[in-house]
Amino acid sequence: FLMARDPVIKLTDVAIYHLDGNRSKGISPKSEQVLSGVNLTVGEGEMVYFIGRVGSGKSSLLKTLYAELPLLEGEGSIAGFDLKTLRRKDVPMLRRKIGIVFQDYQLLTDRNVFENLAYVMKATGWSSAEEIARRIGEVLATVGLQNKEYKMPFELSGGEQQRLTIARALINRPKIILADEPTGNLDPKAADEVMALFRLIVEQGCSIVMSTHNIGNIERYPSRTFRFSRGKVEGIDIHALLLNE
């Protein structure tokens, strides 16, 4: 008997738009609807995959979840924040509650591993040098990069750079991580290491929503999967899909 857990993400009848220029004006005649009728709930400590072709709306939905795109139609909440009523000045507060992992890492190339993490921590309100050092030690151990604090990003392999990105996403103990094609630039071995790390993070109670083109990832680490197609998002039985491939 499982206790119902509070959802960390809940979307009801959401429509997603590519906005034309001025975001504050909302939906303009030139705005293009990418998705409609999106209903999605993600529980605590759950892994969810988004699959679908390039341009099918996966990234746009993720951007709406981390408030890069405004939610203009439907109801949505993430990590306790109402996306419909979220004010621009509250976006940094939301971003502290969620971690974001990009395909292209987006690391600060002029700083070493320790400084990359410390920069984010100071920007999100950490002030004690002792606490910063302790937390950095913890997250680097979690992602298997202990003893790499003083390496520069270019001295790390692609897989290590992505694990550093995941360490950065974990720094504020988020309720949820949003990952946009996190294994897209990695070779199969590095991709598998990143997937195993994500599975560990989920087991520790953090939810992960991941867009991916890599069906192999889902085969090895099966979980609830949503397909983006023709402007709609539908939950699919991934096992049945794989059998038919």
Protein backbone atom coordinates (compact mmCIF):
# COMPACT_ATOMS: atom_id res chain seq x y z
CA PHE A 1 0.00 0.00 0.00
CA LEU A 2 1.67 3.21 -1.18
CA MET A 3 0.84 6.52 0.42
CA ALA A 4 -0.14 9.09 -2.17
CA ARG A 5 2.73 11.57 -2.38
CA ASP A 6 2.30 15.22 -3.21
CA PRO A 7 3.10 15.76 -6.88
CA VAL A 8 6.19 17.89 -7.53
CA ILE A 9 4.77 18.77 -10.96
CA LYS A 10 1.12 19.09 -11.89
CA LEU A 11 -0.08 20.40 -15.25
CA THR A 12 -3.77 20.63 -16.14
CA ASP A 13 -5.02 21.50 -19.65
CA VAL A 14 -1.81 23.35 -20.43
CA ALA A 15 -1.07 24.82 -23.86
CA ILE A 16 2.50 25.75 -24.78
CA TYR A 17 3.41 28.49 -27.27
CA HIS A 18 6.50 29.61 -29.10
CA LEU A 19 6.11 33.28 -28.28
CA ASP A 20 6.57 36.10 -30.69
CA GLY A 21 9.07 38.63 -29.40
CA ASN A 22 7.56 40.46 -26.44
CA ARG A 23 6.79 37.82 -23.83
CA SER A 24 4.91 40.17 -21.51
CA LYS A 25 2.15 40.69 -24.08
CA GLY A 26 1.19 37.02 -23.82
CA ILE A 27 -0.32 35.22 -26.77
CA SER A 28 -0.03 37.36 -29.90
CA PRO A 29 -1.38 36.55 -33.37
CA LYS A 30 2.14 35.45 -34.34
CA SER A 31 2.55 33.08 -31.40
CA GLU A 32 2.67 29.47 -32.55
CA GLN A 33 0.97 26.82 -30.45
CA VAL A 34 3.34 23.89 -29.90
CA LEU A 35 1.33 21.73 -27.50
CA SER A 36 -2.24 21.70 -26.25
CA GLY A 37 -4.25 19.78 -23.67
CA VAL A 38 -1.21 18.75 -21.63
CA ASN A 39 -2.09 16.91 -18.41
CA LEU A 40 0.85 15.61 -16.43
CA THR A 41 1.59 14.73 -12.83
CA VAL A 42 5.03 13.79 -11.52
CA GLY A 43 5.32 12.37 -8.01
CA GLU A 44 8.11 12.73 -5.48
CA GLY A 45 11.11 10.52 -6.25
CA GLU A 46 9.81 9.59 -9.70
CA MET A 47 11.67 9.38 -13.01
CA VAL A 48 9.74 10.44 -16.12
CA TYR A 49 10.92 10.44 -19.74
CA PHE A 50 9.82 12.74 -22.57
CA ILE A 51 10.36 11.30 -26.06
CA GLY A 52 9.48 12.68 -29.49
CA ARG A 53 11.00 14.24 -32.56
CA VAL A 54 13.01 17.45 -32.60
CA GLY A 55 10.52 20.33 -32.56
CA SER A 56 7.75 18.28 -30.93
CA GLY A 57 7.68 20.56 -27.86
CA LYS A 58 9.79 18.68 -25.28
CA SER A 59 12.23 21.54 -24.69
CA SER A 60 9.43 24.13 -24.74
CA LEU A 61 7.59 22.24 -22.00
CA LEU A 62 10.78 21.97 -19.93
CA LYS A 63 11.39 25.71 -20.43
CA THR A 64 7.86 26.40 -19.18
CA LEU A 65 8.57 24.27 -16.10
CA TYR A 66 11.69 26.27 -15.21
CA ALA A 67 9.94 29.55 -16.10
CA GLU A 68 11.99 30.45 -19.16
CA LEU A 69 8.66 30.53 -21.04
CA PRO A 70 5.56 31.88 -19.26
CA LEU A 71 2.56 29.61 -18.70
CA LEU A 72 -0.27 31.42 -20.47
CA GLU A 73 -2.97 28.78 -20.73
CA GLY A 74 -4.01 26.05 -18.30
CA GLU A 75 -2.88 25.44 -14.72
CA GLY A 76 0.58 24.37 -13.62
CA SER A 77 2.68 24.03 -10.50
CA ILE A 78 6.21 22.81 -9.83
CA ALA A 79 7.96 22.40 -6.47
CA GLY A 80 5.17 24.33 -4.76
CA PHE A 81 5.24 27.30 -7.17
CA ASP A 82 2.21 28.26 -9.25
CA LEU A 83 3.56 28.80 -12.78
CA LYS A 84 0.52 30.83 -13.83
CA THR A 85 0.93 33.51 -11.15
CA LEU A 86 4.75 33.37 -10.85
CA ARG A 87 6.28 36.84 -10.97
CA ARG A 88 9.59 37.49 -12.76
CA LYS A 89 11.24 38.43 -9.47
CA ASP A 90 10.30 35.06 -7.96
CA VAL A 91 11.89 32.99 -10.73
CA PRO A 92 15.27 32.80 -8.89
CA MET A 93 13.42 31.38 -5.86
CA LEU A 94 11.86 28.70 -8.07
CA ARG A 95 15.22 27.88 -9.66
CA ARG A 96 16.67 27.16 -6.22
CA LYS A 97 14.09 24.43 -5.75
CA ILE A 98 14.81 22.74 -9.07
CA GLY A 99 17.98 21.59 -10.80
CA ILE A 100 18.49 22.00 -14.55
CA VAL A 101 20.82 19.84 -16.67
CA PHE A 102 21.49 20.84 -20.29
CA GLN A 103 22.85 18.79 -23.18
CA ASP A 104 25.74 21.24 -23.69
CA TYR A 105 26.78 21.48 -20.00
CA GLN A 106 26.83 25.33 -19.82
CA LEU A 107 29.79 25.32 -17.44
CA LEU A 108 31.93 28.38 -16.72
CA THR A 109 35.00 27.54 -18.79
CA ASP A 110 37.32 30.03 -17.03
CA ARG A 111 36.84 28.46 -13.56
CA ASN A 112 37.74 25.13 -12.08
CA VAL A 113 35.28 22.53 -10.83
CA PHE A 114 35.15 23.91 -7.27
CA GLU A 115 34.68 27.51 -8.51
CA ASN A 116 31.90 26.47 -10.92
CA LEU A 117 29.92 25.10 -7.99
CA ALA A 118 30.84 27.86 -5.54
CA TYR A 119 29.70 30.50 -8.07
CA VAL A 120 26.20 29.00 -8.21
CA MET A 121 26.07 28.65 -4.42
CA LYS A 122 27.00 32.28 -3.78
CA ALA A 123 24.46 33.38 -6.39
CA THR A 124 21.75 31.43 -4.55
CA GLY A 125 22.48 32.76 -1.09
CA TRP A 126 25.19 30.55 0.46
CA SER A 127 27.66 32.70 2.39
CA SER A 128 29.70 30.49 4.77
CA ALA A 129 32.93 29.36 3.07
CA GLU A 130 32.99 26.33 5.36
CA GLU A 131 29.45 25.25 4.42
CA ILE A 132 30.14 25.87 0.73
CA ALA A 133 33.26 23.67 0.85
CA ARG A 134 31.43 20.93 2.75
CA ARG A 135 28.46 20.86 0.35
CA ILE A 136 30.74 20.86 -2.70
CA GLY A 137 32.59 17.87 -1.22
CA GLU A 138 29.26 16.06 -0.77
CA VAL A 139 27.93 16.61 -4.29
CA LEU A 140 31.26 15.80 -5.95
CA ALA A 141 31.33 12.51 -4.03
CA THR A 142 27.74 11.80 -5.15
CA VAL A 143 28.64 12.24 -8.83
CA GLY A 144 32.02 10.49 -8.58
CA LEU A 145 34.21 13.57 -9.08
CA GLN A 146 35.93 13.69 -5.70
CA ASN A 147 39.59 14.75 -6.13
CA LYS A 148 38.72 16.74 -9.27
CA GLU A 149 37.96 20.06 -7.51
CA TYR A 150 40.88 21.89 -9.11
CA LYS A 151 40.50 20.57 -12.67
CA MET A 152 39.32 22.98 -15.34
CA PRO A 153 36.28 21.92 -17.40
CA PHE A 154 38.43 21.34 -20.52
CA GLU A 155 40.51 18.83 -18.53
CA LEU A 156 37.41 16.70 -17.91
CA SER A 157 35.91 14.16 -20.32
CA GLY A 158 32.42 14.81 -21.71
CA GLY A 159 30.94 12.38 -19.20
CA GLU A 160 32.76 14.09 -16.32
CA GLN A 161 31.58 17.52 -17.51
CA GLN A 162 27.99 16.27 -17.54
CA ARG A 163 28.42 14.81 -14.05
CA LEU A 164 29.69 18.22 -12.93
CA THR A 165 26.54 19.75 -14.43
CA ILE A 166 24.50 17.25 -12.39
CA ALA A 167 26.50 18.18 -9.25
CA ARG A 168 25.61 21.81 -9.94
CA ALA A 169 21.94 20.85 -10.30
CA LEU A 170 22.06 19.01 -6.95
CA ILE A 171 23.77 21.75 -4.97
CA ASN A 172 20.61 23.23 -3.42
CA ARG A 173 19.03 19.82 -2.69
CA PRO A 174 16.28 20.27 -5.29
CA LYS A 175 12.96 18.43 -5.23
CA ILE A 176 13.24 17.89 -8.96
CA ILE A 177 15.79 17.91 -11.77
CA LEU A 178 14.81 18.85 -15.33
CA ALA A 179 17.23 17.31 -17.84
CA ASP A 180 17.13 18.25 -21.52
CA GLU A 181 18.84 15.54 -23.62
CA PRO A 182 21.50 15.03 -20.89
CA THR A 183 23.20 12.14 -22.73
CA GLY A 184 22.91 13.67 -26.21
CA ASN A 185 26.64 14.48 -26.53
CA LEU A 186 28.00 11.42 -24.70
CA ASP A 187 29.40 8.09 -25.87
CA PRO A 188 27.46 4.98 -24.74
CA LYS A 189 29.67 4.25 -21.70
CA ALA A 190 29.53 7.84 -20.40
CA ALA A 191 25.78 7.95 -21.12
CA ASP A 192 25.24 4.80 -19.09
CA GLU A 193 27.25 6.25 -16.16
CA VAL A 194 25.08 9.37 -16.23
CA MET A 195 21.89 7.29 -16.34
CA ALA A 196 23.06 5.15 -13.40
CA LEU A 197 23.75 8.37 -11.49
CA PHE A 198 20.25 9.68 -12.26
CA ARG A 199 18.76 6.41 -11.01
CA LEU A 200 20.71 6.82 -7.74
CA ILE A 201 19.45 10.41 -7.36
CA VAL A 202 15.85 9.25 -7.85
CA GLU A 203 16.32 6.54 -5.22
CA GLN A 204 17.32 9.32 -2.80
CA GLY A 205 13.93 10.97 -3.35
CA CYS A 206 14.59 13.62 -6.00
CA SER A 207 12.30 13.49 -9.06
CA ILE A 208 13.78 13.67 -12.57
CA VAL A 209 12.07 14.66 -15.80
CA MET A 210 14.28 13.91 -18.79
CA SER A 211 13.81 14.51 -22.48
CA THR A 212 15.77 11.98 -24.51
CA HIS A 213 16.20 10.57 -28.02
CA ASN A 214 18.07 7.60 -26.62
CA ILE A 215 15.60 4.72 -26.41
CA GLY A 216 18.48 2.55 -25.17
CA ASN A 217 18.53 4.65 -21.98
CA ILE A 218 14.86 3.85 -21.40
CA GLU A 219 15.37 0.16 -22.15
CA ARG A 220 18.09 -0.10 -19.50
CA TYR A 221 16.40 2.20 -16.99
CA PRO A 222 12.66 1.84 -17.69
CA SER A 223 10.25 4.35 -16.18
CA ARG A 224 7.07 6.24 -17.03
CA THR A 225 7.32 7.65 -20.54
CA PHE A 226 5.41 10.38 -22.40
CA ARG A 227 5.49 10.75 -26.17
CA PHE A 228 5.24 14.19 -27.82
CA SER A 229 3.58 13.97 -31.21
CA ARG A 230 1.39 16.23 -33.36
CA GLY A 231 0.94 18.83 -30.63
CA LYS A 232 -0.14 16.34 -27.97
CA VAL A 233 1.53 14.59 -25.04
CA GLU A 234 0.46 11.04 -24.23
CA GLY A 235 1.62 8.47 -21.73
CA ILE A 236 2.77 5.31 -23.54
CA ASP A 237 3.55 1.74 -22.61
CA ILE A 238 7.26 1.76 -23.37
CA HIS A 239 7.59 -2.05 -23.09
CA ALA A 240 4.94 -2.56 -25.80
CA LEU A 241 6.63 0.09 -27.94
CA LEU A 242 10.04 -1.58 -27.62
CA LEU A 243 8.58 -4.99 -28.50
CA ASN A 244 7.17 -3.50 -31.71
CA GLU A 245 10.39 -1.77 -32.71
